[in-house]
N, C-alpha and C. Protein backbone atom coordinates (compact mmCIF):
# COMPACT_ATOMS: atom_id res chain seq x y z
N MET A 1 0.88 -1.19 0.05
CA MET A 1 0.04 -0.04 0.06
C MET A 1 0.91 1.22 -0.09
N LYS A 2 0.62 2.10 -0.96
CA LYS A 2 1.41 3.44 -0.99
C LYS A 2 1.00 4.25 0.17
N PRO A 3 2.10 5.09 0.43
CA PRO A 3 1.82 6.13 1.61
C PRO A 3 0.99 7.24 0.91
N LYS A 4 0.57 8.06 1.87
CA LYS A 4 -0.18 9.21 1.37
C LYS A 4 0.78 10.53 1.25
N ASN A 5 0.47 11.25 0.18
CA ASN A 5 1.32 12.41 0.05
C ASN A 5 1.72 13.26 1.22
N GLU A 6 0.75 13.35 2.12
CA GLU A 6 0.96 14.27 3.36
C GLU A 6 1.96 13.57 4.31
N ASN A 7 2.17 12.26 4.12
CA ASN A 7 3.17 11.67 4.94
C ASN A 7 4.63 11.68 4.43
N ILE A 8 4.81 12.48 3.36
CA ILE A 8 6.07 12.78 2.68
C ILE A 8 6.58 14.01 3.05
N GLU A 9 7.74 14.13 3.66
CA GLU A 9 8.30 15.37 3.88
C GLU A 9 9.28 15.87 2.93
N ILE A 10 9.09 17.18 2.47
CA ILE A 10 10.09 17.82 1.56
C ILE A 10 11.04 18.60 2.35
N ARG A 11 12.28 18.30 2.17
CA ARG A 11 13.36 19.09 2.83
C ARG A 11 14.60 19.13 2.25
N LYS A 12 15.51 20.07 2.64
CA LYS A 12 16.84 20.18 1.95
C LYS A 12 17.62 18.98 2.28
N ALA A 13 18.36 18.46 1.35
CA ALA A 13 19.28 17.36 1.60
C ALA A 13 20.48 17.63 2.48
N VAL A 14 20.99 16.82 3.29
CA VAL A 14 22.14 16.99 4.09
C VAL A 14 23.07 15.85 3.86
N GLU A 15 24.22 15.98 4.24
CA GLU A 15 25.35 14.94 4.03
C GLU A 15 25.01 13.50 4.25
N SER A 16 24.19 13.34 5.51
CA SER A 16 23.84 12.04 5.96
C SER A 16 22.89 11.35 4.89
N ASP A 17 22.34 12.10 3.98
CA ASP A 17 21.38 11.61 3.09
C ASP A 17 22.12 11.15 1.75
N PHE A 18 23.41 11.45 1.50
CA PHE A 18 23.99 11.10 0.35
C PHE A 18 23.94 9.83 -0.08
N GLU A 19 24.09 8.77 0.75
CA GLU A 19 24.15 7.36 0.37
C GLU A 19 22.83 7.07 -0.44
N GLN A 20 21.69 7.33 0.17
CA GLN A 20 20.38 7.12 -0.49
C GLN A 20 20.28 7.96 -1.75
N ILE A 21 20.72 9.16 -1.78
CA ILE A 21 20.68 10.01 -2.93
C ILE A 21 21.32 9.40 -4.04
N ILE A 22 22.58 8.93 -3.85
CA ILE A 22 23.48 8.26 -4.93
C ILE A 22 22.62 7.15 -5.59
N GLU A 23 21.98 6.28 -4.68
CA GLU A 23 21.22 5.19 -5.15
C GLU A 23 20.14 5.67 -6.10
N LEU A 24 19.48 6.70 -5.72
CA LEU A 24 18.45 7.31 -6.65
C LEU A 24 18.96 7.77 -7.88
N PHE A 25 20.14 8.46 -7.75
CA PHE A 25 20.91 8.84 -9.10
C PHE A 25 20.95 7.61 -10.12
N LYS A 26 21.38 6.52 -9.44
CA LYS A 26 21.53 5.34 -10.28
C LYS A 26 20.25 4.85 -10.89
N GLU A 27 19.17 4.90 -10.09
CA GLU A 27 17.98 4.46 -10.44
C GLU A 27 17.32 5.49 -11.59
N PHE A 28 17.56 6.76 -11.37
CA PHE A 28 17.23 7.63 -12.44
C PHE A 28 17.87 7.41 -13.70
N ALA A 29 19.26 7.14 -13.65
CA ALA A 29 19.98 6.90 -14.93
C ALA A 29 19.59 5.75 -15.61
N ALA A 30 19.05 4.67 -14.89
CA ALA A 30 18.47 3.50 -15.58
C ALA A 30 17.20 3.85 -16.15
N PHE A 31 16.31 4.74 -15.49
CA PHE A 31 15.00 5.07 -16.00
C PHE A 31 15.16 5.83 -17.34
N GLU A 32 16.39 6.65 -17.35
CA GLU A 32 16.62 7.44 -18.48
C GLU A 32 17.15 6.64 -19.54
N ARG A 33 17.45 5.33 -19.39
CA ARG A 33 18.08 4.45 -20.28
C ARG A 33 19.51 4.85 -20.56
N LEU A 34 20.18 5.47 -19.61
CA LEU A 34 21.59 5.84 -19.66
C LEU A 34 22.50 5.46 -18.45
N PRO A 35 22.33 4.27 -17.97
CA PRO A 35 22.99 3.88 -16.82
C PRO A 35 24.59 3.97 -16.99
N HIS A 36 24.98 3.91 -18.19
CA HIS A 36 26.45 4.03 -18.48
C HIS A 36 27.04 5.53 -18.38
N LYS A 37 26.12 6.44 -18.28
CA LYS A 37 26.59 7.70 -18.05
C LYS A 37 26.58 8.21 -16.62
N MET A 38 26.33 7.33 -15.65
CA MET A 38 26.23 7.65 -14.27
C MET A 38 27.66 7.44 -13.76
N TYR A 39 28.47 8.65 -13.77
CA TYR A 39 29.88 8.61 -13.29
C TYR A 39 30.01 9.03 -11.89
N ASN A 40 28.88 9.68 -11.30
CA ASN A 40 28.89 10.22 -9.95
C ASN A 40 29.19 9.05 -8.94
N SER A 41 29.71 9.34 -7.76
CA SER A 41 29.74 8.27 -6.74
C SER A 41 29.52 9.00 -5.44
N LEU A 42 29.43 8.25 -4.31
CA LEU A 42 29.37 8.71 -3.10
C LEU A 42 30.54 9.58 -2.57
N GLU A 43 31.77 9.04 -2.99
CA GLU A 43 33.04 9.74 -2.56
C GLU A 43 33.04 11.11 -3.33
N ARG A 44 32.69 11.07 -4.74
CA ARG A 44 32.71 12.40 -5.44
C ARG A 44 31.63 13.28 -4.93
N LEU A 45 30.46 12.87 -4.53
CA LEU A 45 29.39 13.79 -3.91
C LEU A 45 29.87 14.34 -2.70
N ARG A 46 30.50 13.52 -1.89
CA ARG A 46 31.04 14.18 -0.55
C ARG A 46 32.18 15.08 -0.77
N SER A 47 32.95 14.87 -1.70
CA SER A 47 34.17 15.82 -1.98
C SER A 47 33.74 17.08 -2.65
N GLU A 48 32.52 17.11 -3.37
CA GLU A 48 31.98 18.23 -4.14
C GLU A 48 30.75 18.83 -3.42
N LYS A 49 30.52 18.41 -2.14
CA LYS A 49 29.25 18.83 -1.44
C LYS A 49 28.90 20.25 -1.48
N GLU A 50 29.87 21.09 -1.68
CA GLU A 50 29.68 22.58 -1.65
C GLU A 50 28.95 23.00 -2.95
N PHE A 51 29.00 22.21 -3.98
CA PHE A 51 28.21 22.63 -5.15
C PHE A 51 26.91 21.85 -5.31
N PHE A 52 26.62 20.94 -4.42
CA PHE A 52 25.43 20.24 -4.51
C PHE A 52 24.27 20.82 -3.63
N ASN A 53 23.13 21.06 -4.53
CA ASN A 53 21.90 21.73 -3.95
C ASN A 53 20.84 20.72 -4.45
N CYS A 54 20.07 20.35 -3.28
CA CYS A 54 19.04 19.33 -3.45
C CYS A 54 17.97 19.37 -2.47
N PHE A 55 16.72 19.30 -2.95
CA PHE A 55 15.50 19.02 -1.98
C PHE A 55 15.25 17.56 -2.16
N ILE A 56 14.73 17.00 -1.06
CA ILE A 56 14.47 15.50 -1.16
C ILE A 56 13.10 15.32 -0.49
N ALA A 57 12.37 14.23 -0.95
CA ALA A 57 11.08 13.80 -0.54
C ALA A 57 11.46 12.59 0.45
N VAL A 58 11.03 12.65 1.67
CA VAL A 58 11.42 11.56 2.58
C VAL A 58 10.10 10.94 3.20
N SER A 59 9.91 9.62 3.23
CA SER A 59 8.89 8.82 3.78
C SER A 59 8.87 8.83 5.31
N GLU A 60 7.97 8.49 6.01
CA GLU A 60 7.95 8.36 7.49
C GLU A 60 8.91 7.43 7.83
N GLU A 61 9.42 6.42 7.10
CA GLU A 61 10.38 5.40 7.35
C GLU A 61 11.66 6.06 7.15
N ASN A 62 11.86 7.33 6.83
CA ASN A 62 13.16 7.91 6.60
C ASN A 62 13.86 7.44 5.30
N ILE A 63 13.03 7.04 4.31
CA ILE A 63 13.52 6.58 3.04
C ILE A 63 13.26 7.72 1.96
N ILE A 64 14.31 8.07 1.27
CA ILE A 64 14.24 9.15 0.28
C ILE A 64 13.72 8.53 -1.01
N VAL A 65 12.50 9.07 -1.35
CA VAL A 65 11.74 8.47 -2.44
C VAL A 65 11.82 9.44 -3.74
N GLY A 66 12.32 10.59 -3.54
CA GLY A 66 12.49 11.54 -4.81
C GLY A 66 13.35 12.61 -4.27
N TYR A 67 13.82 13.28 -5.44
CA TYR A 67 14.70 14.42 -5.14
C TYR A 67 14.58 15.40 -6.42
N VAL A 68 15.12 16.68 -6.11
CA VAL A 68 15.27 17.60 -7.23
C VAL A 68 16.52 18.32 -6.93
N THR A 69 17.44 18.38 -7.94
CA THR A 69 18.73 18.97 -7.90
C THR A 69 18.61 20.33 -8.75
N HIS A 70 19.38 21.38 -8.25
CA HIS A 70 19.29 22.68 -8.82
C HIS A 70 20.38 23.52 -8.49
N PHE A 71 20.75 24.58 -9.27
CA PHE A 71 21.75 25.49 -9.07
C PHE A 71 21.50 26.81 -9.66
N PHE A 72 22.12 27.88 -9.22
CA PHE A 72 21.96 29.15 -9.80
C PHE A 72 22.85 29.26 -11.05
N CYS A 73 22.39 30.07 -11.98
CA CYS A 73 23.27 30.37 -13.15
C CYS A 73 22.72 31.74 -13.66
N TYR A 74 23.39 32.11 -14.64
CA TYR A 74 22.96 33.53 -15.24
C TYR A 74 22.95 33.43 -16.77
N TYR A 75 21.89 33.73 -17.17
CA TYR A 75 21.43 33.76 -18.68
C TYR A 75 21.69 35.17 -19.30
N THR A 76 22.35 35.26 -20.30
CA THR A 76 22.53 36.69 -20.95
C THR A 76 21.22 37.26 -21.34
N TRP A 77 20.20 36.66 -21.67
CA TRP A 77 19.04 37.24 -22.03
C TRP A 77 18.03 37.44 -20.98
N THR A 78 18.19 36.80 -19.88
CA THR A 78 17.37 36.96 -18.66
C THR A 78 17.80 37.34 -17.47
N GLY A 79 19.19 37.07 -17.05
CA GLY A 79 19.68 37.47 -15.77
C GLY A 79 19.69 36.22 -14.86
N LYS A 80 19.82 36.51 -13.70
CA LYS A 80 19.98 35.48 -12.57
C LYS A 80 18.70 34.60 -12.66
N SER A 81 19.14 33.28 -12.82
CA SER A 81 18.23 32.16 -13.01
C SER A 81 18.42 31.08 -12.19
N MET A 82 17.59 29.96 -12.20
CA MET A 82 18.09 28.73 -11.62
C MET A 82 17.90 27.48 -12.58
N TYR A 83 18.72 26.71 -12.43
CA TYR A 83 18.67 25.47 -13.41
C TYR A 83 18.30 24.34 -12.46
N MET A 84 17.06 23.62 -12.93
CA MET A 84 16.79 22.31 -12.25
C MET A 84 17.48 21.14 -13.11
N ASP A 85 18.36 20.57 -12.55
CA ASP A 85 19.06 19.49 -13.20
C ASP A 85 18.37 18.13 -13.29
N ASP A 86 17.88 17.84 -12.16
CA ASP A 86 16.99 16.55 -12.19
C ASP A 86 15.89 16.60 -11.28
N LEU A 87 14.79 16.02 -11.69
CA LEU A 87 13.56 15.84 -10.81
C LEU A 87 13.27 14.41 -10.98
N TYR A 88 13.27 13.60 -9.81
CA TYR A 88 13.05 12.19 -10.04
C TYR A 88 12.21 11.63 -8.78
N VAL A 89 11.24 10.91 -9.09
CA VAL A 89 10.49 10.26 -7.91
C VAL A 89 10.52 8.65 -8.33
N SER A 90 10.90 7.96 -7.19
CA SER A 90 10.83 6.51 -7.38
C SER A 90 9.60 6.06 -7.81
N LEU A 91 9.59 4.98 -8.73
CA LEU A 91 8.46 4.29 -9.39
C LEU A 91 7.30 4.07 -8.43
N ASP A 92 7.57 3.42 -7.26
CA ASP A 92 6.45 3.13 -6.46
C ASP A 92 5.90 4.23 -5.76
N TYR A 93 6.41 5.45 -5.77
CA TYR A 93 5.85 6.59 -5.12
C TYR A 93 5.28 7.70 -6.16
N ARG A 94 5.16 7.31 -7.47
CA ARG A 94 4.67 8.16 -8.40
C ARG A 94 3.15 8.15 -8.30
N GLY A 95 2.54 9.28 -8.66
CA GLY A 95 1.02 9.42 -8.72
C GLY A 95 0.61 9.96 -7.43
N LEU A 96 1.41 10.43 -6.51
CA LEU A 96 1.07 10.88 -5.11
C LEU A 96 1.30 12.30 -5.07
N GLY A 97 1.67 12.96 -6.09
CA GLY A 97 1.84 14.54 -5.95
C GLY A 97 3.21 14.96 -5.52
N ILE A 98 4.10 14.01 -5.42
CA ILE A 98 5.45 14.26 -4.80
C ILE A 98 6.20 15.08 -5.71
N GLY A 99 6.17 14.66 -7.04
CA GLY A 99 6.92 15.32 -8.11
C GLY A 99 6.46 16.92 -8.17
N THR A 100 5.13 17.12 -8.06
CA THR A 100 4.50 18.40 -8.00
C THR A 100 5.14 19.16 -6.75
N ARG A 101 5.14 18.55 -5.58
CA ARG A 101 5.62 19.20 -4.38
C ARG A 101 7.09 19.55 -4.43
N LEU A 102 7.97 18.69 -5.14
CA LEU A 102 9.52 18.86 -5.25
C LEU A 102 9.62 20.00 -6.20
N ILE A 103 8.85 20.03 -7.32
CA ILE A 103 9.10 21.16 -8.24
C ILE A 103 8.60 22.53 -7.78
N ASN A 104 7.49 22.40 -7.08
CA ASN A 104 6.95 23.67 -6.46
C ASN A 104 7.99 24.24 -5.45
N ARG A 105 8.61 23.28 -4.73
CA ARG A 105 9.60 23.83 -3.82
C ARG A 105 10.85 24.48 -4.54
N VAL A 106 11.17 24.01 -5.57
CA VAL A 106 12.27 24.65 -6.43
C VAL A 106 11.79 26.02 -6.96
N ILE A 107 10.57 26.03 -7.54
CA ILE A 107 10.03 27.25 -8.10
C ILE A 107 9.93 28.38 -7.00
N ASN A 108 9.47 27.99 -5.94
CA ASN A 108 9.41 28.85 -4.78
C ASN A 108 10.70 29.43 -4.40
N TYR A 109 11.65 28.43 -4.24
CA TYR A 109 13.01 28.90 -3.77
C TYR A 109 13.67 29.80 -4.91
N ALA A 110 13.47 29.58 -6.20
CA ALA A 110 13.86 30.48 -7.15
C ALA A 110 13.23 31.79 -7.11
N LYS A 111 12.04 31.94 -6.84
CA LYS A 111 11.26 33.24 -6.65
C LYS A 111 11.77 33.94 -5.39
N GLU A 112 12.11 33.13 -4.28
CA GLU A 112 12.49 33.73 -3.07
C GLU A 112 13.83 34.35 -3.18
N THR A 113 14.68 33.80 -4.02
CA THR A 113 16.05 34.13 -4.18
C THR A 113 16.26 35.18 -5.40
N GLY A 114 15.14 35.70 -5.90
CA GLY A 114 15.30 36.62 -6.97
C GLY A 114 15.59 36.15 -8.39
N CYS A 115 15.28 34.94 -8.72
CA CYS A 115 15.66 34.43 -10.08
C CYS A 115 14.57 34.98 -10.96
N HIS A 116 14.81 35.11 -12.18
CA HIS A 116 13.85 35.58 -13.17
C HIS A 116 13.38 34.37 -14.03
N LYS A 117 14.05 33.30 -13.93
CA LYS A 117 13.63 32.13 -14.80
C LYS A 117 14.06 30.82 -14.03
N LEU A 118 13.39 29.70 -14.31
CA LEU A 118 13.62 28.39 -13.92
C LEU A 118 13.82 27.66 -15.29
N ARG A 119 14.97 26.94 -15.45
CA ARG A 119 15.18 26.18 -16.75
C ARG A 119 15.54 24.73 -16.36
N TRP A 120 14.94 23.87 -17.10
CA TRP A 120 15.28 22.39 -17.10
C TRP A 120 15.10 21.71 -18.43
N GLN A 121 15.45 20.52 -18.53
CA GLN A 121 15.31 19.67 -19.63
C GLN A 121 14.33 18.56 -19.42
N VAL A 122 13.78 18.03 -20.58
CA VAL A 122 13.04 16.80 -20.51
C VAL A 122 13.41 15.99 -21.73
N SER A 123 13.41 14.77 -21.57
CA SER A 123 13.69 13.92 -22.72
C SER A 123 12.51 13.78 -23.55
N LYS A 124 12.88 13.85 -24.93
CA LYS A 124 11.58 13.72 -25.89
C LYS A 124 10.73 12.68 -25.70
N TRP A 125 11.20 11.47 -25.33
CA TRP A 125 10.40 10.25 -25.12
C TRP A 125 9.55 10.31 -23.99
N ASN A 126 9.80 11.16 -22.95
CA ASN A 126 9.16 11.12 -21.69
C ASN A 126 7.84 11.96 -21.72
N THR A 127 6.94 11.45 -22.35
CA THR A 127 5.64 12.25 -22.67
C THR A 127 4.83 12.56 -21.32
N PRO A 128 4.87 11.58 -20.46
CA PRO A 128 4.16 11.99 -19.01
C PRO A 128 4.86 13.23 -18.47
N ALA A 129 6.16 13.33 -18.45
CA ALA A 129 6.77 14.41 -17.84
C ALA A 129 6.50 15.77 -18.69
N ILE A 130 6.50 15.55 -20.04
CA ILE A 130 6.25 16.79 -20.83
C ILE A 130 5.00 17.22 -20.53
N LYS A 131 3.89 16.33 -20.47
CA LYS A 131 2.52 16.81 -20.03
C LYS A 131 2.49 17.49 -18.58
N PHE A 132 3.23 16.90 -17.65
CA PHE A 132 3.23 17.49 -16.41
C PHE A 132 3.83 18.94 -16.36
N TYR A 133 4.88 19.11 -17.18
CA TYR A 133 5.50 20.39 -17.25
C TYR A 133 4.77 21.37 -17.89
N GLU A 134 4.05 21.00 -19.06
CA GLU A 134 3.15 21.78 -19.71
C GLU A 134 1.95 22.33 -18.91
N GLN A 135 1.50 21.57 -18.09
CA GLN A 135 0.39 21.81 -17.03
C GLN A 135 0.91 22.83 -16.06
N LEU A 136 2.14 22.84 -15.81
CA LEU A 136 2.79 23.91 -14.81
C LEU A 136 2.81 25.32 -15.67
N GLY A 137 2.69 25.28 -17.01
CA GLY A 137 2.91 26.50 -17.70
C GLY A 137 4.26 26.68 -18.39
N ALA A 138 5.04 25.52 -18.35
CA ALA A 138 6.31 25.63 -18.94
C ALA A 138 6.32 25.65 -20.51
N GLU A 139 7.25 26.47 -20.99
CA GLU A 139 7.46 26.37 -22.48
C GLU A 139 8.56 25.37 -22.90
N ILE A 140 8.12 24.42 -23.62
CA ILE A 140 9.12 23.33 -24.14
C ILE A 140 9.38 23.60 -25.55
N ASP A 141 10.64 23.86 -25.88
CA ASP A 141 11.01 24.13 -27.29
C ASP A 141 11.88 23.13 -27.79
N SER A 142 12.01 23.02 -28.92
CA SER A 142 12.81 21.97 -29.60
C SER A 142 13.98 22.72 -30.33
N VAL A 143 14.39 23.96 -29.93
CA VAL A 143 15.43 24.63 -30.63
C VAL A 143 16.87 24.19 -30.15
N GLU A 144 16.98 24.16 -28.96
CA GLU A 144 18.39 23.92 -28.30
C GLU A 144 18.57 22.36 -28.10
N GLN A 145 19.76 21.93 -28.11
CA GLN A 145 20.19 20.63 -27.83
C GLN A 145 21.26 20.61 -26.91
N ASN A 146 21.31 19.56 -26.26
CA ASN A 146 22.49 19.37 -25.20
C ASN A 146 23.88 19.35 -25.83
N CYS A 147 24.78 19.93 -25.35
CA CYS A 147 26.28 19.90 -25.78
C CYS A 147 26.93 19.46 -24.46
N ASP A 148 27.39 18.32 -24.41
CA ASP A 148 28.19 17.88 -23.23
C ASP A 148 29.61 17.55 -23.60
N LEU A 149 30.58 18.04 -22.85
CA LEU A 149 32.01 17.78 -22.94
C LEU A 149 32.37 17.13 -21.64
N TYR A 150 32.74 15.87 -21.69
CA TYR A 150 32.99 15.23 -20.59
C TYR A 150 34.63 15.27 -20.22
N PHE A 151 35.02 15.29 -19.03
CA PHE A 151 36.42 15.32 -18.60
C PHE A 151 36.80 14.19 -17.89
N ASP A 152 36.01 13.11 -17.61
CA ASP A 152 36.27 11.89 -16.89
C ASP A 152 36.66 10.85 -17.93
């Protein structure tokens, strides 16, 4: 039986959450059909924690069931903005409004900190996510494509 949405706490991630978060990163990479691109590790996350910004969804049993990562950036056309890198909810916890609560937490944080825009990406094949984002009022364009240059 699934828990109720109100039994899920949304809070800022702390270092003691990192082990569970890394496991969710791996789960998300598999969901995206890109497990071979999951280079991050618990050791790396710990050593780079000053760059890590994340809100998590935590069950009553203290299990992290979802997360949203984000960071500040500056866009030449817009100014101070926030980039939402990943929004992920474990399969067993979908349909409870957890994703909505996580993205709303990032939206509110972006507004509270004076951002003019929140940007993120969605995979073209992920139609449920596209519909979800469109319902929020997001503009989804097909103009820009990712350009990744890896150093590992």
